[in-house]
C-alpha atoms as a PDB file:
ATOM      1  CA  UNK A   1      74.403  63.963  72.144  1.00  0.00           C
ATOM      2  CA  UNK A   2      75.967  60.976  74.759  1.00  0.00           C
ATOM      3  CA  UNK A   3      74.766  57.439  74.260  1.00  0.00           C
ATOM      4  CA  UNK A   4      75.627  55.262  76.955  1.00  0.00           C
ATOM      5  CA  UNK A   5      77.936  52.062  75.480  1.00  0.00           C
ATOM      6  CA  UNK A   6      75.037  48.504  75.193  1.00  0.00           C
ATOM      7  CA  UNK A   7      75.028  46.274  77.967  1.00  0.00           C
ATOM      8  CA  UNK A   8      75.260  42.999  76.720  1.00  0.00           C
ATOM      9  CA  UNK A   9      74.977  40.105  79.524  1.00  0.00           C
ATOM     10  CA  UNK A  10      76.440  36.572  78.970  1.00  0.00           C
ATOM     11  CA  UNK A  11      74.774  34.140  81.142  1.00  0.00           C
ATOM     12  CA  UNK A  12      76.963  30.944  80.279  1.00  0.00           C
ATOM     13  CA  UNK A  13      78.039  28.570  83.451  1.00  0.00           C
ATOM     14  CA  UNK A  14      81.044  27.647  81.215  1.00  0.00           C
ATOM     15  CA  UNK A  15      84.334  30.321  81.566  1.00  0.00           C
ATOM     16  CA  UNK A  16      85.610  29.364  78.633  1.00  0.00           C
ATOM     17  CA  UNK A  17      82.593  29.768  76.583  1.00  0.00           C
ATOM     18  CA  UNK A  18      81.664  32.797  78.241  1.00  0.00           C
ATOM     19  CA  UNK A  19      86.183  34.747  78.378  1.00  0.00           C
ATOM     20  CA  UNK A  20      85.689  33.032  73.966  1.00  0.00           C
ATOM     21  CA  UNK A  21      82.303  35.358  73.616  1.00  0.00           C
ATOM     22  CA  UNK A  22      83.494  38.283  75.603  1.00  0.00           C
ATOM     23  CA  UNK A  23      86.410  37.551  73.427  1.00  0.00           C
ATOM     24  CA  UNK A  24      84.731  38.066  70.228  1.00  0.00           C
ATOM     25  CA  UNK A  25      82.147  40.808  71.640  1.00  0.00           C
ATOM     26  CA  UNK A  26      85.083  42.938  72.631  1.00  0.00           C
ATOM     27  CA  UNK A  27      87.009  43.148  69.698  1.00  0.00           C
ATOM     28  CA  UNK A  28      83.804  43.272  67.476  1.00  0.00           C
ATOM     29  CA  UNK A  29      82.886  46.873  66.672  1.00  0.00           C
ATOM     30  CA  UNK A  30      80.400  46.918  68.722  1.00  0.00           C
ATOM     31  CA  UNK A  31      80.418  49.645  71.378  1.00  0.00           C
ATOM     32  CA  UNK A  32      79.492  47.599  74.514  1.00  0.00           C
ATOM     33  CA  UNK A  33      80.258  46.504  78.053  1.00  0.00           C
ATOM     34  CA  UNK A  34      80.109  42.888  78.818  1.00  0.00           C
ATOM     35  CA  UNK A  35      78.492  42.016  82.307  1.00  0.00           C
ATOM     36  CA  UNK A  36      78.474  38.333  83.414  1.00  0.00           C
ATOM     37  CA  UNK A  37      75.752  36.675  85.512  1.00  0.00           C
ATOM     38  CA  UNK A  38      75.121  33.355  86.624  1.00  0.00           C
ATOM     39  CA  UNK A  39      71.776  33.285  87.908  1.00  0.00           C
ATOM     40  CA  UNK A  40      68.196  34.974  86.117  1.00  0.00           C
ATOM     41  CA  UNK A  41      68.031  36.864  89.898  1.00  0.00           C
ATOM     42  CA  UNK A  42      70.971  38.361  89.564  1.00  0.00           C
ATOM     43  CA  UNK A  43      70.196  39.764  85.827  1.00  0.00           C
ATOM     44  CA  UNK A  44      66.899  40.935  87.746  1.00  0.00           C
ATOM     45  CA  UNK A  45      68.728  42.265  90.017  1.00  0.00           C
ATOM     46  CA  UNK A  46      71.608  44.302  87.540  1.00  0.00           C
ATOM     47  CA  UNK A  47      68.548  45.653  85.059  1.00  0.00           C
ATOM     48  CA  UNK A  48      67.445  48.067  88.404  1.00  0.00           C
ATOM     49  CA  UNK A  49      71.290  49.709  88.434  1.00  0.00           C
ATOM     50  CA  UNK A  50      72.243  48.858  84.859  1.00  0.00           C
ATOM     51  CA  UNK A  51      69.763  47.792  82.580  1.00  0.00           C
ATOM     52  CA  UNK A  52      71.076  45.320  80.548  1.00  0.00           C
ATOM     53  CA  UNK A  53      69.742  45.291  76.575  1.00  0.00           C
ATOM     54  CA  UNK A  54      70.882  41.608  75.245  1.00  0.00           C
ATOM     55  CA  UNK A  55      71.287  38.665  77.181  1.00  0.00           C
ATOM     56  CA  UNK A  56      73.192  36.031  76.000  1.00  0.00           C
ATOM     57  CA  UNK A  57      72.114  32.750  77.324  1.00  0.00           C
ATOM     58  CA  UNK A  58      72.870  29.113  77.287  1.00  0.00           C
ATOM     59  CA  UNK A  59      69.042  28.267  77.256  1.00  0.00           C
ATOM     60  CA  UNK A  60      69.719  25.189  79.233  1.00  0.00           C
ATOM     61  CA  UNK A  61      69.791  27.576  81.798  1.00  0.00           C
ATOM     62  CA  UNK A  62      66.030  28.362  81.405  1.00  0.00           C
ATOM     63  CA  UNK A  63      64.700  24.903  81.970  1.00  0.00           C
ATOM     64  CA  UNK A  64      61.851  24.378  84.699  1.00  0.00           C
ATOM     65  CA  UNK A  65      62.059  29.212  84.429  1.00  0.00           C
ATOM     66  CA  UNK A  66      59.850  29.189  81.506  1.00  0.00           C
ATOM     67  CA  UNK A  67      57.404  31.716  83.640  1.00  0.00           C
ATOM     68  CA  UNK A  68      60.310  33.913  85.079  1.00  0.00           C
ATOM     69  CA  UNK A  69      62.004  34.572  81.657  1.00  0.00           C
ATOM     70  CA  UNK A  70      58.756  35.184  80.222  1.00  0.00           C
ATOM     71  CA  UNK A  71      58.251  37.321  83.690  1.00  0.00           C
ATOM     72  CA  UNK A  72      61.360  39.381  83.031  1.00  0.00           C
ATOM     73  CA  UNK A  73      60.388  39.969  79.389  1.00  0.00           C
ATOM     74  CA  UNK A  74      57.111  41.046  80.538  1.00  0.00           C
ATOM     75  CA  UNK A  75      58.815  44.015  82.726  1.00  0.00           C
ATOM     76  CA  UNK A  76      61.336  45.097  80.702  1.00  0.00           C
ATOM     77  CA  UNK A  77      59.694  44.442  77.002  1.00  0.00           C
ATOM     78  CA  UNK A  78      63.596  46.462  75.364  1.00  0.00           C
ATOM     79  CA  UNK A  79      65.260  42.861  76.554  1.00  0.00           C
ATOM     80  CA  UNK A  80      66.596  40.829  74.129  1.00  0.00           C
ATOM     81  CA  UNK A  81      67.740  37.023  74.232  1.00  0.00           C
ATOM     82  CA  UNK A  82      70.207  34.958  72.251  1.00  0.00           C
ATOM     83  CA  UNK A  83      70.474  31.830  72.965  1.00  0.00           C
ATOM     84  CA  UNK A  84      73.906  29.352  72.169  1.00  0.00           C
ATOM     85  CA  UNK A  85      72.932  26.245  70.581  1.00  0.00           C
ATOM     86  CA  UNK A  86      74.181  23.558  71.593  1.00  0.00           C
ATOM     87  CA  UNK A  87      72.026  21.317  69.631  1.00  0.00           C
ATOM     88  CA  UNK A  88      70.101  19.687  72.590  1.00  0.00           C
ATOM     89  CA  UNK A  89      67.390  22.123  72.443  1.00  0.00           C
ATOM     90  CA  UNK A  90      65.986  23.220  69.326  1.00  0.00           C
ATOM     91  CA  UNK A  91      67.689  25.853  66.910  1.00  0.00           C
ATOM     92  CA  UNK A  92      65.086  28.126  68.288  1.00  0.00           C
ATOM     93  CA  UNK A  93      63.592  28.000  71.575  1.00  0.00           C
ATOM     94  CA  UNK A  94      60.098  30.160  72.194  1.00  0.00           C
ATOM     95  CA  UNK A  95      62.116  32.459  74.599  1.00  0.00           C
ATOM     96  CA  UNK A  96      65.178  33.426  72.921  1.00  0.00           C
ATOM     97  CA  UNK A  97      64.768  36.263  69.741  1.00  0.00           C
ATOM     98  CA  UNK A  98      67.749  34.329  68.075  1.00  0.00           C
ATOM     99  CA  UNK A  99      70.931  32.084  68.757  1.00  0.00           C
ATOM    100  CA  UNK A 100      73.781  30.833  67.570  1.00  0.00           C
ATOM    101  CA  UNK A 101      76.105  27.634  67.570  1.00  0.00           C
ATOM    102  CA  UNK A 102      80.208  28.074  68.965  1.00  0.00           C
ATOM    103  CA  UNK A 103      80.858  26.486  65.651  1.00  0.00           C
ATOM    104  CA  UNK A 104      79.779  30.062  64.221  1.00  0.00           C
ATOM    105  CA  UNK A 105      81.614  32.562  62.873  1.00  0.00           C
ATOM    106  CA  UNK A 106      83.050  35.474  64.724  1.00  0.00           C
ATOM    107  CA  UNK A 107      81.618  37.673  62.263  1.00  0.00           C
ATOM    108  CA  UNK A 108      78.562  36.179  62.600  1.00  0.00           C
ATOM    109  CA  UNK A 109      78.050  36.260  66.031  1.00  0.00           C
ATOM    110  CA  UNK A 110      79.011  39.109  66.024  1.00  0.00           C
ATOM    111  CA  UNK A 111      76.517  40.191  62.494  1.00  0.00           C
ATOM    112  CA  UNK A 112      73.370  38.432  65.277  1.00  0.00           C
ATOM    113  CA  UNK A 113      74.101  40.796  67.501  1.00  0.00           C
ATOM    114  CA  UNK A 114      74.163  43.678  65.399  1.00  0.00           C
ATOM    115  CA  UNK A 115      70.439  42.781  64.941  1.00  0.00           C
ATOM    116  CA  UNK A 116      69.220  42.728  68.250  1.00  0.00           C
ATOM    117  CA  UNK A 117      71.142  46.061  69.219  1.00  0.00           C
ATOM    118  CA  UNK A 118      69.073  47.731  66.225  1.00  0.00           C
ATOM    119  CA  UNK A 119      65.457  45.696  67.349  1.00  0.00           C
ATOM    120  CA  UNK A 120      66.084  47.067  71.075  1.00  0.00           C
ATOM    121  CA  UNK A 121      66.877  50.345  70.066  1.00  0.00           C
ATOM    122  CA  UNK A 122      63.896  50.570  67.682  1.00  0.00           C
ATOM    123  CA  UNK A 123      61.739  49.660  70.306  1.00  0.00           C
ATOM    124  CA  UNK A 124      62.622  51.186  73.246  1.00  0.00           C
ATOM    125  CA  UNK A 125      62.006  54.224  70.194  1.00  0.00           C
ATOM    126  CA  UNK A 126      58.678  52.672  69.998  1.00  0.00           C
ATOM    127  CA  UNK A 127      58.166  52.239  73.870  1.00  0.00           C
ATOM    128  CA  UNK A 128      59.204  56.785  73.956  1.00  0.00           C
ATOM    129  CA  UNK A 129      56.941  57.338  71.410  1.00  0.00           C
ATOM    130  CA  UNK A 130      53.961  55.191  72.443  1.00  0.00           C
ATOM    131  CA  UNK A 131      54.179  57.457  75.954  1.00  0.00           C
ATOM    132  CA  UNK A 132      53.910  60.612  74.505  1.00  0.00           C
ATOM    133  CA  UNK A 133      50.610  62.178  74.822  1.00  0.00           C
ATOM    134  CA  UNK A 134      48.904  64.008  72.049  1.00  0.00           C
ATOM    135  CA  UNK A 135      47.981  68.547  73.640  1.00  0.00           C
ATOM    136  CA  UNK A 136      44.831  66.912  73.707  1.00  0.00           C
ATOM    137  CA  UNK A 137      45.434  63.885  75.271  1.00  0.00           C
ATOM    138  CA  UNK A 138      47.607  66.412  78.657  1.00  0.00           C
ATOM    139  CA  UNK A 139      44.516  68.225  78.593  1.00  0.00           C
ATOM    140  CA  UNK A 140      41.994  65.038  79.540  1.00  0.00           C
ATOM    141  CA  UNK A 141      44.539  63.930  81.691  1.00  0.00           C
ATOM    142  CA  UNK A 142      44.975  67.068  83.701  1.00  0.00           C
ATOM    143  CA  UNK A 143      41.095  67.678  83.999  1.00  0.00           C
ATOM    144  CA  UNK A 144      40.633  63.244  84.656  1.00  0.00           C
ATOM    145  CA  UNK A 145      43.325  64.600  87.961  1.00  0.00           C
ATOM    146  CA  UNK A 146      41.434  67.326  89.190  1.00  0.00           C
ATOM    147  CA  UNK A 147      38.408  64.852  89.211  1.00  0.00           C
ATOM    148  CA  UNK A 148      36.182  66.086  86.695  1.00  0.00           C
ATOM    149  CA  UNK A 149      33.728  63.624  84.642  1.00  0.00           C
ATOM    150  CA  UNK A 150      33.464  62.840  80.997  1.00  0.00           C
ATOM    151  CA  UNK A 151      30.817  65.698  80.519  1.00  0.00           C
ATOM    152  CA  UNK A 152      32.392  68.562  82.589  1.00  0.00           C
ATOM    153  CA  UNK A 153      35.342  67.998  80.557  1.00  0.00           C
ATOM    154  CA  UNK A 154      33.650  67.731  77.385  1.00  0.00           C
ATOM    155  CA  UNK A 155      31.891  71.481  78.212  1.00  0.00           C
ATOM    156  CA  UNK A 156      35.396  72.457  78.850  1.00  0.00           C
ATOM    157  CA  UNK A 157      37.484  71.925  76.097  1.00  0.00           C
ATOM    158  CA  UNK A 158      34.179  71.707  73.786  1.00  0.00           C
ATOM    159  CA  UNK A 159      34.148  68.107  72.346  1.00  0.00           C
ATOM    160  CA  UNK A 160      31.871  65.784  72.703  1.00  0.00           C
ATOM    161  CA  UNK A 161      31.530  63.316  75.349  1.00  0.00           C
ATOM    162  CA  UNK A 162      32.243  60.953  73.103  1.00  0.00           C
ATOM    163  CA  UNK A 163      36.067  62.534  71.955  1.00  0.00           C
ATOM    164  CA  UNK A 164      36.254  62.586  75.618  1.00  0.00           C
ATOM    165  CA  UNK A 165      36.339  58.655  76.106  1.00  0.00           C
ATOM    166  CA  UNK A 166      38.399  58.442  73.458  1.00  0.00           C
ATOM    167  CA  UNK A 167      41.040  60.296  74.804  1.00  0.00           C
ATOM    168  CA  UNK A 168      40.611  58.780  78.127  1.00  0.00           C
ATOM    169  CA  UNK A 169      41.638  55.611  76.416  1.00  0.00           C
ATOM    170  CA  UNK A 170      44.481  56.915  74.459  1.00  0.00           C
ATOM    171  CA  UNK A 171      45.655  57.566  77.852  1.00  0.00           C
ATOM    172  CA  UNK A 172      45.215  54.563  79.173  1.00  0.00           C
ATOM    173  CA  UNK A 173      46.701  52.717  76.257  1.00  0.00           C
ATOM    174  CA  UNK A 174      49.766  54.745  76.159  1.00  0.00           C
ATOM    175  CA  UNK A 175      50.452  55.033  80.524  1.00  0.00           C
ATOM    176  CA  UNK A 176      48.957  51.707  81.272  1.00  0.00           C
ATOM    177  CA  UNK A 177      47.607  53.207  84.081  1.00  0.00           C
ATOM    178  CA  UNK A 178      43.658  52.702  84.739  1.00  0.00           C
ATOM    179  CA  UNK A 179      43.104  54.556  88.118  1.00  0.00           C
ATOM    180  CA  UNK A 180      42.755  58.295  88.856  1.00  0.00           C
ATOM    181  CA  UNK A 181      45.372  57.419  91.854  1.00  0.00           C
ATOM    182  CA  UNK A 182      47.934  56.363  89.147  1.00  0.00           C
ATOM    183  CA  UNK A 183      47.159  58.634  86.793  1.00  0.00           C
ATOM    184  CA  UNK A 184      47.820  61.706  89.507  1.00  0.00           C
ATOM    185  CA  UNK A 185      50.845  60.439  89.946  1.00  0.00           C
ATOM    186  CA  UNK A 186      52.077  59.873  86.235  1.00  0.00           C
ATOM    187  CA  UNK A 187      51.062  63.621  85.601  1.00  0.00           C
ATOM    188  CA  UNK A 188      52.755  64.352  88.448  1.00  0.00           C
ATOM    189  CA  UNK A 189      55.929  62.745  87.584  1.00  0.00           C
ATOM    190  CA  UNK A 190      56.457  63.900  84.224  1.00  0.00           C
ATOM    191  CA  UNK A 191      55.434  67.477  85.462  1.00  0.00           C
ATOM    192  CA  UNK A 192      52.259  67.468  82.907  1.00  0.00           C
ATOM    193  CA  UNK A 193      50.868  68.916  87.076  1.00  0.00           C
ATOM    194  CA  UNK A 194      52.334  70.446  90.411  1.00  0.00           C
ATOM    195  CA  UNK A 195      51.021  68.792  93.658  1.00  0.00           C
ATOM    196  CA  UNK A 196      49.850  73.188  93.564  1.00  0.00           C
ATOM    197  CA  UNK A 197      47.821  72.846  90.510  1.00  0.00           C
ATOM    198  CA  UNK A 198      45.457  69.549  91.703  1.00  0.00           C
ATOM    199  CA  UNK A 199      41.930  70.386  93.058  1.00  0.00           C
ATOM    200  CA  UNK A 200      40.692  69.068  95.851  1.00  0.00           C
END
C-alpha cells in the first residue's frame, strides 16, 4: 500500500537556519518532504490541501499567538510541533511536543523528529479506531437517522432503552456529533445509509 511521504513544515525567518534544517532532514532516513512557511496563517492554508505532520518552529513566532496555535492543534490533533530552542524561551514550551537546539547533532534532531513521526502515526491510528462504529452502533445510528425514538429503537433491536442510550453516547463520543442533522450527514458521507433509505 502506498504511503505518502511525511510532510514537515519549517517556520523560521532565518534562511540559513531553514536551509540547514532542510539539509539535515533531507539527508536523513526519514521519507519526507520539507516546506517552508513564514506565518501561522500560511500553515493553516497549507493544512487544507497538503496536511503537515510535523511543524518545526522558532517558538518566538508563537508570541501573542498562543490562542491560534492551540486552536490549530485542536483542529489538527495529529499535528506535532518541534520547537527550536534558542535559549530565550524555556527549553520546552507548552505549545511544543519536543524541542532541540541548533547545537544538537543532526542525529539527535533526526531522532527527535522520528519520535514525533511515530507519535503522529499512533494518534492517526487511534483516531481511525475511535471513529469506527461497532455493527450495533451502526444499527442504532441508522434508526436515529430515520427519526426513531429510544423506545422504538429498543423494541426494534430487541435491547433495553438503557443499552440504546449507551450506544448513542458511544456514537457521539466516536463521531463528535450530537445533532440529528449532523448524524444524518455523517451517516450519508460514510455510506452507512443512502439518501433514498431515509424515511421522511
